[in-house]
Amino acid sequence: MEILWMLIVGGIIGNIIAGFIGSWLGGLILGSWGPVIGGFAIIPAIIGSIILVLIVSFLLRKMGQKKNHGHHV
């Protein structure tokens, strides 16, 4: 049960960090147009976060395929 909680908490923290980094990148790339809440321009922050999550999930999927590719029984 402890491992499950570690995975849940780790995932939440990972998502928060990805959200902040994505928001920051979105602001750098797209500027600060639209409503600003909590110091972040919401629309560029959301777009940046989505792009970051897509890139990270794509890379993790590729790494997983490479790892499992040569281990067929």
Protein backbone atom coordinates (compact mmCIF):
# COMPACT_ATOMS: atom_id res chain seq x y z
CA MET A 1 0.00 0.00 0.00
CA GLU A 2 2.90 2.34 0.73
CA ILE A 3 4.21 1.96 -2.85
CA LEU A 4 0.78 2.92 -4.20
CA TRP A 5 0.78 6.13 -2.15
CA MET A 6 4.33 6.92 -3.31
CA LEU A 7 3.23 6.54 -6.94
CA ILE A 8 0.15 8.71 -6.42
CA VAL A 9 2.03 11.47 -4.58
CA GLY A 10 4.95 11.27 -7.03
CA GLY A 11 2.54 11.58 -9.97
CA ILE A 12 0.80 14.57 -8.44
CA ILE A 13 4.11 16.32 -7.76
CA GLY A 14 5.32 15.43 -11.27
CA ASN A 15 2.17 16.90 -12.80
CA ILE A 16 2.51 20.08 -10.76
CA ILE A 17 6.14 20.50 -11.83
CA ALA A 18 5.23 19.78 -15.46
CA GLY A 19 2.42 22.35 -15.18
CA PHE A 20 4.77 25.04 -13.87
CA ILE A 21 7.44 24.31 -16.46
CA GLY A 22 4.86 24.17 -19.24
CA SER A 23 3.32 27.44 -18.06
CA TRP A 24 6.71 29.10 -18.00
CA LEU A 25 7.60 27.78 -21.47
CA GLY A 26 4.20 28.79 -22.83
CA GLY A 27 4.72 32.30 -21.49
CA LEU A 28 8.18 32.49 -23.07
CA ILE A 29 7.01 31.22 -26.45
CA LEU A 30 3.55 32.78 -26.69
CA GLY A 31 3.93 35.88 -24.52
CA SER A 32 1.49 36.96 -21.84
CA TRP A 33 -1.80 37.61 -23.60
CA GLY A 34 -5.19 36.75 -22.15
CA PRO A 35 -6.23 36.76 -18.50
CA VAL A 36 -3.47 36.56 -15.88
CA ILE A 37 -4.11 34.52 -12.73
CA GLY A 38 -1.46 33.82 -10.09
CA GLY A 39 1.25 35.44 -12.18
CA PHE A 40 0.59 33.19 -15.19
CA ALA A 41 -1.15 34.18 -18.40
CA ILE A 42 -3.71 31.38 -18.51
CA ILE A 43 -4.03 30.64 -22.24
CA PRO A 44 -0.28 30.44 -23.06
CA ALA A 45 0.25 28.50 -19.80
CA ILE A 46 -2.36 25.89 -20.73
CA ILE A 47 -1.00 25.53 -24.27
CA GLY A 48 2.59 25.26 -22.98
CA SER A 49 1.61 22.66 -20.38
CA ILE A 50 -0.27 20.55 -22.94
CA ILE A 51 2.69 20.65 -25.34
CA LEU A 52 5.12 19.70 -22.55
CA VAL A 53 2.95 16.79 -21.38
CA LEU A 54 2.60 15.51 -24.96
CA ILE A 55 6.36 15.68 -25.51
CA VAL A 56 7.16 13.95 -22.20
CA SER A 57 4.57 11.18 -22.73
CA PHE A 58 5.86 10.65 -26.30
CA LEU A 59 9.46 10.35 -25.05
CA LEU A 60 8.48 7.98 -22.22
CA ARG A 61 6.55 5.80 -24.67
CA LYS A 62 9.56 5.68 -27.03
CA MET A 63 11.89 4.79 -24.15
CA GLY A 64 9.51 2.04 -23.05
CA GLN A 65 9.39 0.58 -26.57
CA LYS A 66 13.20 0.54 -26.81
CA LYS A 67 13.46 -1.18 -23.43
CA ASN A 68 10.93 -3.88 -24.31
CA HIS A 69 11.96 -4.28 -27.95
CA GLY A 70 14.83 -6.74 -27.54
CA HIS A 71 13.40 -8.84 -24.69
CA HIS A 72 10.97 -11.19 -26.44
CA VAL A 73 10.79 -14.72 -25.02
